Amino acid sequence: MNKTFKIYAAIFIIVMVILALLEVNKKEVVDWRKNFNVTQKSPFGLFVFNEEVKGLFKNKIVKIDQSPFDYYNEHKKEKHNILVIESDIDSESWSKILNEVSKGSDAMIMVSDIPKEISDSIGYYDSEISFEEQNVLKLTDKKFQNDFIKMDKFPSGRGFTYIKPNVEVLGKTVEKNNQDQANFIKAKFGKGKIYVHSEPLFITNYYLLKPGNIKYAQDVFSYLDDKETLWFVKGKTSESRFFMRFILSNPALKYAWWVFLGGLLLFIFFNAKRKQRIVPKIEPLKNTSVDFVKSIGNLYLQEGDFHDMMAKKAQYFLNKVRMDLLIDTQNLDEEFVKKLQLKTGKPIELIQEAINLIKKGQDRYANVMQEDLVRMNKILDEILK
C-alpha cells in the first residue's frame, strides 16, 4: 500500500464520518414548496386530492398527461368538464380550452396567477395580492355559509379587485385588516362556463387533511355539471425519464452519489500532473525452452521410466487428434480406427499398431520396453505428419 493510496483512504474515511454525523444529527425538514404534484406527500402536493378525486367527481374524471393542444388535436369530445390546477399551459392550449368551452363544455381553472388568455377572454381585470399571513375562504351562496377554510400557511392572498358585470362572484377571501376580495368567479363564454379560483392551495395535502376542509372542496366542485371531467395534469403525473431520477430521489443514494463524485474530483486533482519516473532497463528474457527439454529428457533417461513416457506420448497424441482432427478419443475401437484412417490417409495396419501401443502405454501393469517407446514414437509422428 503506497503513500498516495493511504492519503486517499484517509480523506475518504474523514468525509464519510462527517456525512454520517451530519445525517445522524440533522432534523427532518418539511418541504413547504408549492409543487402541486399529484405524487408528492409534502404539505403542498396533491397526493390526497389525487386519491379522493374519483369520489369527488363520481368516477367521471380522466387524468390527461398531454397538453390540451395535443389532446384536442387527437380527440373529438362531446360536452365535458375541464380541470386545470396550477399547471404551465401554453397559449395554444388555452385557445383549445376556450374553444371547447365556447362549444358547451365547462372549465374550472385553479391558478394563483391567472393567464392573460383567460382574463382577456372572460372579462375581468388582474388580481390583487394581499400579504396577510392568514385569511378565510368562503362561498357566497347561503347554503354553503357553514363551509369555509382557514388559510394559515402561506396563502397567496390573491383576489379579484375589479370584475366586469358579466362575471358572477361565487367565493371570497376574508381578511382581518382588509376588505373582502373575490377569489372564485364564474363567467359565461359562448355556450359554456368558465370557473376561476385564485387560491388552489385549498386542495393541497395540508388543507385537505384538516377536519372539515373537504366539505369546502366538495362545494367548489359541485358547481360543475355531472358529466365527464378531463383533468390536465401534464408535468405532474408523467414520470421523469432522467436516468438518475431514482438515485437523486433517495436521500441516502444522493449523498453516496455526491461523495463518489467528490472523491473522483479529488483523485483527478491530485493526479493532474503525471509523475515521470525513471524507466528501468529490462533485460530480454532468455529462451530456456531448449534447456528445459534437455533436462526433462535426461531425467527420464536416467530414471529409465519408459512406461511413463509412453503414457505421456499417448496422451499428447490423443489430444492432438481431438483438437486438430476433431475425432472423439474416448473409445479406441474399430470406429475410431476408421475415422483416423479417413482423416490421415495412413494405412489401417499402421493405425491399428499405434492403437495397440497406446493401450499398452495406458495399461499401468503392462511390461514396457525401450523398443516399445521408440516404435510408438515413430508411428505416432508418422500418423500426424
Protein backbone atom coordinates (compact mmCIF):
# COMPACT_ATOMS: atom_id res chain seq x y z
CA MET A 1 0.00 0.00 0.00
CA ASN A 2 1.72 3.20 -1.19
CA LYS A 3 1.59 6.61 0.46
CA THR A 4 -0.83 8.15 -2.09
CA PHE A 5 -3.40 5.42 -1.55
CA LYS A 6 -3.21 5.95 2.22
CA ILE A 7 -3.91 9.67 1.75
CA TYR A 8 -6.96 8.95 -0.42
CA ALA A 9 -8.25 6.39 2.05
CA ALA A 10 -7.85 8.80 4.96
CA ILE A 11 -9.67 11.61 3.11
CA PHE A 12 -12.49 9.26 2.13
CA ILE A 13 -12.93 7.99 5.70
CA ILE A 14 -12.96 11.54 7.11
CA VAL A 15 -15.60 12.65 4.58
CA MET A 16 -17.78 9.60 5.32
CA VAL A 17 -17.55 10.22 9.08
CA ILE A 18 -18.54 13.87 8.64
CA LEU A 19 -21.50 12.92 6.44
CA ALA A 20 -22.58 10.26 8.93
CA LEU A 21 -22.51 12.77 11.78
CA LEU A 22 -24.50 15.27 9.73
CA GLU A 23 -27.04 12.59 8.80
CA VAL A 24 -27.48 11.47 12.42
CA ASN A 25 -27.84 14.99 13.80
CA LYS A 26 -29.92 16.52 11.02
CA LYS A 27 -33.54 17.42 11.66
CA GLU A 28 -36.32 16.39 9.35
CA VAL A 29 -37.06 19.35 7.07
CA VAL A 30 -40.60 19.83 5.82
CA ASP A 31 -40.81 20.74 2.16
CA TRP A 32 -43.16 23.73 2.02
CA ARG A 33 -42.73 24.35 -1.68
CA LYS A 34 -45.95 24.78 -3.64
CA ASN A 35 -45.29 21.95 -6.08
CA PHE A 36 -48.91 20.84 -6.76
CA ASN A 37 -47.59 17.43 -7.74
CA VAL A 38 -50.08 14.54 -7.60
CA THR A 39 -47.37 12.11 -6.44
CA GLN A 40 -45.96 14.30 -3.64
CA LYS A 41 -46.96 13.82 0.01
CA SER A 42 -45.40 17.12 1.04
CA PRO A 43 -47.81 19.73 2.51
CA PHE A 44 -48.45 21.48 -0.78
CA GLY A 45 -48.59 18.42 -3.01
CA LEU A 46 -51.78 16.93 -4.46
CA PHE A 47 -51.40 13.32 -3.33
CA VAL A 48 -54.54 13.37 -1.11
CA PHE A 49 -56.60 15.14 -3.76
CA ASN A 50 -55.44 12.62 -6.35
CA GLU A 51 -56.60 9.79 -4.07
CA GLU A 52 -60.01 11.39 -3.41
CA VAL A 53 -60.70 12.88 -6.83
CA LYS A 54 -62.71 9.91 -8.10
CA GLY A 55 -65.11 10.25 -5.18
CA LEU A 56 -65.44 13.99 -5.71
CA PHE A 57 -66.32 13.51 -9.37
CA LYS A 58 -68.29 10.26 -9.01
CA ASN A 59 -65.72 8.28 -11.02
CA LYS A 60 -66.29 10.51 -14.03
CA ILE A 61 -62.81 12.02 -14.12
CA VAL A 62 -59.99 11.19 -16.52
CA LYS A 63 -56.40 12.35 -15.98
CA ILE A 64 -54.71 13.54 -19.18
CA ASP A 65 -50.91 13.70 -19.33
CA GLN A 66 -50.90 15.52 -22.67
CA SER A 67 -51.18 19.23 -23.25
CA PRO A 68 -54.71 20.38 -24.15
CA PHE A 69 -53.42 21.37 -27.59
CA ASP A 70 -52.13 17.86 -28.35
CA TYR A 71 -55.11 16.11 -26.76
CA TYR A 72 -57.83 18.02 -28.60
CA ASN A 73 -55.97 17.67 -31.88
CA GLU A 74 -56.21 13.89 -31.45
CA HIS A 75 -59.67 13.59 -29.83
CA LYS A 76 -63.10 14.96 -30.58
CA LYS A 77 -65.19 15.23 -27.41
CA GLU A 78 -68.82 15.90 -26.59
CA LYS A 79 -69.65 18.44 -23.88
CA HIS A 80 -67.47 17.81 -20.84
CA ASN A 81 -65.76 19.46 -17.88
CA ILE A 82 -62.16 20.67 -17.97
CA LEU A 83 -60.00 20.90 -14.83
CA VAL A 84 -56.66 22.72 -14.66
CA ILE A 85 -54.78 23.10 -11.36
CA GLU A 86 -51.70 25.37 -11.21
CA SER A 87 -50.24 23.99 -14.43
CA ASP A 88 -47.96 25.57 -17.02
CA ILE A 89 -50.06 25.67 -20.17
CA ASP A 90 -49.04 27.32 -23.42
CA SER A 91 -51.12 29.86 -25.31
CA GLU A 92 -52.20 27.36 -27.98
CA SER A 93 -53.54 25.04 -25.28
CA TRP A 94 -55.52 27.84 -23.63
CA SER A 95 -57.02 28.60 -27.02
CA LYS A 96 -58.06 24.96 -27.34
CA ILE A 97 -59.68 25.04 -23.89
CA LEU A 98 -61.60 28.24 -24.70
CA ASN A 99 -62.71 26.69 -27.99
CA GLU A 100 -64.13 23.66 -26.15
CA VAL A 101 -65.90 25.96 -23.66
CA SER A 102 -67.42 28.02 -26.44
CA LYS A 103 -68.98 24.79 -27.81
CA GLY A 104 -70.68 23.98 -24.47
CA SER A 105 -68.05 22.50 -22.14
CA ASP A 106 -67.29 23.93 -18.68
CA ALA A 107 -63.79 24.70 -17.40
CA MET A 108 -62.61 25.06 -13.80
CA ILE A 109 -59.25 26.76 -13.56
CA MET A 110 -57.45 26.89 -10.21
CA VAL A 111 -54.35 29.03 -10.55
CA SER A 112 -52.75 31.70 -8.38
CA ASP A 113 -51.58 33.65 -11.43
CA ILE A 114 -54.41 33.97 -13.93
CA PRO A 115 -53.16 33.59 -17.54
CA LYS A 116 -53.76 36.58 -19.77
CA GLU A 117 -55.56 34.42 -22.34
CA ILE A 118 -58.27 33.66 -19.76
CA SER A 119 -58.57 37.11 -18.21
CA ASP A 120 -58.85 38.77 -21.62
CA SER A 121 -61.45 36.26 -22.79
CA ILE A 122 -63.89 36.19 -19.87
CA GLY A 123 -63.72 39.87 -18.98
CA TYR A 124 -62.18 40.69 -15.61
CA TYR A 125 -59.11 42.61 -14.56
CA ASP A 126 -55.87 41.37 -12.99
CA SER A 127 -55.98 40.06 -9.44
CA GLU A 128 -54.59 41.87 -6.43
CA ILE A 129 -52.13 40.41 -3.93
CA SER A 130 -52.58 40.64 -0.16
CA PHE A 131 -49.73 39.95 2.23
CA GLU A 132 -51.78 38.88 5.25
CA GLU A 133 -50.44 35.72 6.91
CA GLN A 134 -53.93 34.29 7.47
CA ASN A 135 -57.30 34.52 5.79
CA VAL A 136 -60.52 32.59 5.34
CA LEU A 137 -62.04 31.23 2.12
CA LYS A 138 -65.84 31.40 1.96
CA LEU A 139 -68.50 30.86 -0.69
CA THR A 140 -71.17 33.49 -1.35
CA ASP A 141 -74.08 31.05 -1.72
CA LYS A 142 -76.05 31.00 1.54
CA LYS A 143 -76.37 27.20 1.52
CA PHE A 144 -72.57 26.99 1.81
CA GLN A 145 -72.18 29.58 4.58
CA ASN A 146 -71.04 26.98 7.14
CA ASP A 147 -68.38 25.56 4.86
CA PHE A 148 -65.13 27.52 4.85
CA ILE A 149 -61.36 27.01 5.06
CA LYS A 150 -58.95 28.90 7.28
CA MET A 151 -55.74 29.53 5.36
CA ASP A 152 -52.95 29.66 7.94
CA LYS A 153 -49.92 28.58 5.90
CA PHE A 154 -48.55 30.76 3.08
CA PRO A 155 -51.81 31.84 1.45
CA SER A 156 -51.29 33.54 -1.88
CA GLY A 157 -53.64 36.36 -0.89
CA ARG A 158 -54.77 36.77 -4.48
CA GLY A 159 -58.25 38.05 -5.22
CA PHE A 160 -60.11 39.84 -7.99
CA THR A 161 -60.37 43.54 -7.28
CA TYR A 162 -62.13 44.70 -10.45
CA ILE A 163 -64.78 42.49 -12.03
CA LYS A 164 -66.95 43.25 -15.05
CA PRO A 165 -70.75 42.95 -14.91
CA ASN A 166 -70.97 39.67 -16.79
CA VAL A 167 -68.88 37.87 -14.12
CA GLU A 168 -70.55 36.25 -11.10
CA VAL A 169 -68.71 36.06 -7.76
CA LEU A 170 -69.04 32.63 -6.14
CA GLY A 171 -66.44 32.90 -3.37
CA LYS A 172 -64.32 35.39 -1.50
CA THR A 173 -61.28 35.79 0.70
CA VAL A 174 -61.97 37.29 4.13
CA GLU A 175 -59.09 39.03 5.91
CA LYS A 176 -58.97 40.77 9.26
CA ASN A 177 -57.35 44.01 8.13
CA ASN A 178 -58.55 44.20 4.53
CA GLN A 179 -61.78 44.31 2.62
CA ASP A 180 -63.17 41.03 1.30
CA GLN A 181 -61.86 40.06 -2.13
CA ALA A 182 -63.47 37.80 -4.71
CA ASN A 183 -61.41 34.64 -5.22
CA PHE A 184 -63.88 32.36 -7.01
CA ILE A 185 -65.73 33.63 -10.07
CA LYS A 186 -67.91 32.34 -12.87
CA ALA A 187 -68.18 33.74 -16.39
CA LYS A 188 -70.15 32.62 -19.41
CA PHE A 189 -68.15 32.03 -22.56
CA GLY A 190 -70.02 31.04 -25.68
CA LYS A 191 -72.24 28.08 -24.82
CA GLY A 192 -70.18 27.08 -21.79
CA LYS A 193 -68.96 28.47 -18.48
CA ILE A 194 -65.52 29.19 -17.00
CA TYR A 195 -64.88 28.98 -13.26
CA VAL A 196 -61.68 30.54 -11.92
CA HIS A 197 -60.37 30.08 -8.36
CA SER A 198 -57.32 32.14 -7.42
CA GLU A 199 -56.31 30.08 -4.35
CA PRO A 200 -55.50 26.48 -5.39
CA LEU A 201 -53.78 25.80 -2.03
CA PHE A 202 -57.09 24.67 -0.52
CA ILE A 203 -56.88 21.31 -2.35
CA THR A 204 -53.30 20.53 -1.27
CA ASN A 205 -52.45 17.83 1.27
CA TYR A 206 -52.00 20.24 4.19
CA TYR A 207 -55.53 21.69 3.97
CA LEU A 208 -57.48 18.65 2.81
CA LEU A 209 -56.23 16.60 5.77
CA LYS A 210 -57.64 19.10 8.26
CA PRO A 211 -61.08 18.13 9.62
CA GLY A 212 -63.99 19.75 7.78
CA ASN A 213 -61.98 21.24 4.92
CA ILE A 214 -63.02 18.56 2.45
CA LYS A 215 -66.56 19.98 2.54
CA TYR A 216 -65.41 23.28 1.07
CA ALA A 217 -63.70 21.42 -1.80
CA GLN A 218 -66.88 19.45 -2.44
CA ASP A 219 -68.87 22.69 -2.56
CA VAL A 220 -66.48 24.25 -5.09
CA PHE A 221 -66.57 21.26 -7.44
CA SER A 222 -70.36 20.99 -7.10
CA TYR A 223 -70.67 23.93 -9.50
CA LEU A 224 -69.56 21.66 -12.33
CA ASP A 225 -72.30 19.68 -14.08
CA ASP A 226 -72.45 15.91 -13.60
CA LYS A 227 -70.52 14.86 -16.73
CA GLU A 228 -67.10 13.57 -17.70
CA THR A 229 -64.22 15.73 -16.42
CA LEU A 230 -60.82 15.89 -18.10
CA TRP A 231 -58.06 16.82 -15.64
CA PHE A 232 -54.97 18.04 -17.48
CA VAL A 233 -52.04 17.03 -15.31
CA LYS A 234 -49.18 17.29 -17.81
CA GLY A 235 -45.93 17.79 -15.89
CA LYS A 236 -47.40 16.35 -12.67
CA THR A 237 -48.04 12.65 -13.22
CA SER A 238 -45.64 11.87 -16.03
CA GLU A 239 -42.62 10.14 -14.58
CA SER A 240 -39.24 11.71 -15.10
CA ARG A 241 -37.13 9.85 -17.66
CA PHE A 242 -33.83 11.16 -16.36
CA PHE A 243 -31.61 8.12 -15.77
CA MET A 244 -30.52 9.48 -12.36
CA ARG A 245 -34.06 10.05 -11.07
CA PHE A 246 -34.04 7.09 -8.66
CA ILE A 247 -30.67 7.96 -7.11
CA LEU A 248 -31.47 11.66 -6.76
CA SER A 249 -34.91 10.96 -5.27
CA ASN A 250 -33.41 8.85 -2.47
CA PRO A 251 -31.52 10.95 0.12
CA ALA A 252 -29.07 8.20 1.08
CA LEU A 253 -28.24 7.32 -2.52
CA LYS A 254 -27.96 11.01 -3.37
CA TYR A 255 -25.37 11.51 -0.59
CA ALA A 256 -23.44 8.49 -1.81
CA TRP A 257 -23.51 9.80 -5.36
CA TRP A 258 -22.11 13.22 -4.35
CA VAL A 259 -19.43 11.56 -2.22
CA PHE A 260 -18.42 9.43 -5.20
CA LEU A 261 -18.21 12.49 -7.45
CA GLY A 262 -16.23 14.37 -4.80
CA GLY A 263 -13.79 11.50 -4.42
CA LEU A 264 -13.41 11.29 -8.18
CA LEU A 265 -12.64 15.02 -8.40
CA LEU A 266 -10.05 14.71 -5.62
CA PHE A 267 -8.41 11.82 -7.45
CA ILE A 268 -8.26 13.80 -10.68
CA PHE A 269 -6.93 16.88 -8.87
CA PHE A 270 -4.07 15.05 -7.15
CA ASN A 271 -3.16 13.15 -10.30
CA ALA A 272 -3.46 16.00 -12.77
CA LYS A 273 0.31 16.12 -13.22
CA ARG A 274 1.82 12.89 -14.44
CA LYS A 275 4.80 11.77 -12.42
CA GLN A 276 7.71 10.86 -14.70
CA ARG A 277 9.65 8.01 -13.20
CA ILE A 278 12.97 6.53 -14.28
CA VAL A 279 12.35 3.77 -16.77
CA PRO A 280 14.30 0.74 -15.56
CA LYS A 281 16.43 -1.23 -18.01
CA ILE A 282 14.76 -4.54 -18.67
CA GLU A 283 16.94 -7.40 -19.84
CA PRO A 284 15.34 -9.53 -22.59
CA LEU A 285 14.03 -12.84 -21.37
CA LYS A 286 16.26 -15.80 -22.04
CA ASN A 287 14.72 -18.65 -24.01
CA THR A 288 15.08 -21.62 -21.66
CA SER A 289 12.71 -23.96 -23.53
CA VAL A 290 15.55 -25.99 -25.08
CA ASP A 291 17.35 -26.31 -21.72
CA PHE A 292 14.10 -27.42 -20.12
CA VAL A 293 13.51 -30.10 -22.75
CA LYS A 294 17.07 -31.37 -22.35
CA SER A 295 16.71 -31.51 -18.58
CA ILE A 296 13.44 -33.44 -18.79
CA GLY A 297 14.93 -35.82 -21.39
CA ASN A 298 17.98 -36.51 -19.24
CA LEU A 299 15.76 -37.07 -16.22
CA TYR A 300 13.69 -39.71 -17.99
CA LEU A 301 16.79 -41.28 -19.49
CA GLN A 302 18.41 -41.60 -16.07
CA GLU A 303 15.24 -42.90 -14.45
CA GLY A 304 14.55 -45.28 -17.32
CA ASP A 305 10.77 -44.96 -16.85
CA PHE A 306 9.72 -45.89 -20.39
CA HIS A 307 6.18 -46.76 -19.28
CA ASP A 308 5.51 -43.22 -18.05
CA MET A 309 6.96 -41.72 -21.21
CA MET A 310 4.75 -43.95 -23.37
CA ALA A 311 1.67 -42.86 -21.39
CA LYS A 312 2.51 -39.19 -21.80
CA LYS A 313 3.26 -39.64 -25.50
CA ALA A 314 -0.10 -41.41 -25.93
CA GLN A 315 -1.88 -38.61 -24.03
CA TYR A 316 -0.27 -35.97 -26.23
CA PHE A 317 -1.18 -37.88 -29.42
CA LEU A 318 -4.83 -38.32 -28.44
CA ASN A 319 -5.12 -34.64 -27.51
CA LYS A 320 -3.78 -33.67 -30.95
CA VAL A 321 -6.33 -35.99 -32.59
CA ARG A 322 -9.17 -34.35 -30.65
CA MET A 323 -8.07 -30.76 -31.27
CA ASP A 324 -6.77 -30.98 -34.86
CA LEU A 325 -8.79 -33.83 -36.38
CA LEU A 326 -11.94 -33.39 -34.25
CA ILE A 327 -12.23 -37.11 -33.52
CA ASP A 328 -13.61 -38.38 -30.21
CA THR A 329 -10.88 -40.40 -28.43
CA GLN A 330 -12.96 -41.80 -25.59
CA ASN A 331 -13.27 -45.25 -27.17
CA LEU A 332 -10.29 -46.57 -29.15
CA ASP A 333 -12.39 -49.07 -31.10
CA GLU A 334 -12.80 -50.01 -34.77
CA GLU A 335 -14.91 -46.92 -35.45
CA PHE A 336 -12.12 -44.72 -34.10
CA VAL A 337 -9.56 -46.57 -36.31
CA LYS A 338 -11.72 -45.99 -39.42
CA LYS A 339 -12.18 -42.27 -38.68
CA LEU A 340 -8.47 -41.77 -38.04
CA GLN A 341 -7.59 -43.66 -41.24
CA LEU A 342 -10.02 -41.47 -43.25
CA LYS A 343 -8.68 -38.24 -41.75
CA THR A 344 -4.96 -39.08 -42.03
CA GLY A 345 -4.89 -41.35 -45.08
CA LYS A 346 -2.42 -43.68 -43.36
CA PRO A 347 -2.58 -47.49 -43.74
CA ILE A 348 -5.05 -49.07 -41.39
CA GLU A 349 -2.44 -51.60 -40.23
CA LEU A 350 -0.19 -48.76 -39.10
CA ILE A 351 -3.05 -47.10 -37.21
CA GLN A 352 -4.03 -50.39 -35.59
CA GLU A 353 -0.46 -50.91 -34.40
CA ALA A 354 -0.43 -47.38 -32.97
CA ILE A 355 -3.66 -48.07 -31.06
CA ASN A 356 -2.20 -51.24 -29.59
CA LEU A 357 0.91 -49.36 -28.39
CA ILE A 358 -1.25 -46.57 -26.94
CA LYS A 359 -3.33 -49.06 -24.98
CA LYS A 360 -0.13 -50.71 -23.77
CA GLY A 361 1.20 -47.36 -22.57
CA GLN A 362 -2.09 -46.65 -20.78
CA ASP A 363 -2.06 -50.03 -19.05
CA ARG A 364 -0.17 -49.47 -15.80
CA TYR A 365 0.52 -53.21 -15.41
CA ALA A 366 1.92 -53.74 -18.92
CA ASN A 367 5.59 -54.65 -19.34
CA VAL A 368 7.07 -51.82 -21.44
CA MET A 369 10.48 -51.96 -23.08
CA GLN A 370 12.58 -49.21 -24.59
CA GLU A 371 11.90 -50.67 -28.04
CA ASP A 372 8.13 -50.15 -27.48
CA LEU A 373 8.65 -46.47 -26.68
CA VAL A 374 10.85 -45.93 -29.75
CA ARG A 375 8.40 -47.77 -32.02
CA MET A 376 5.34 -45.85 -30.71
CA ASN A 377 7.10 -42.52 -31.01
CA LYS A 378 8.00 -43.26 -34.65
CA ILE A 379 4.49 -44.46 -35.60
CA LEU A 380 2.62 -41.62 -33.92
CA ASP A 381 4.86 -38.99 -35.51
CA GLU A 382 4.27 -40.56 -38.89
CA ILE A 383 0.48 -40.60 -38.47
CA LEU A 384 0.39 -36.92 -37.53
CA LYS A 385 2.58 -35.75 -40.43
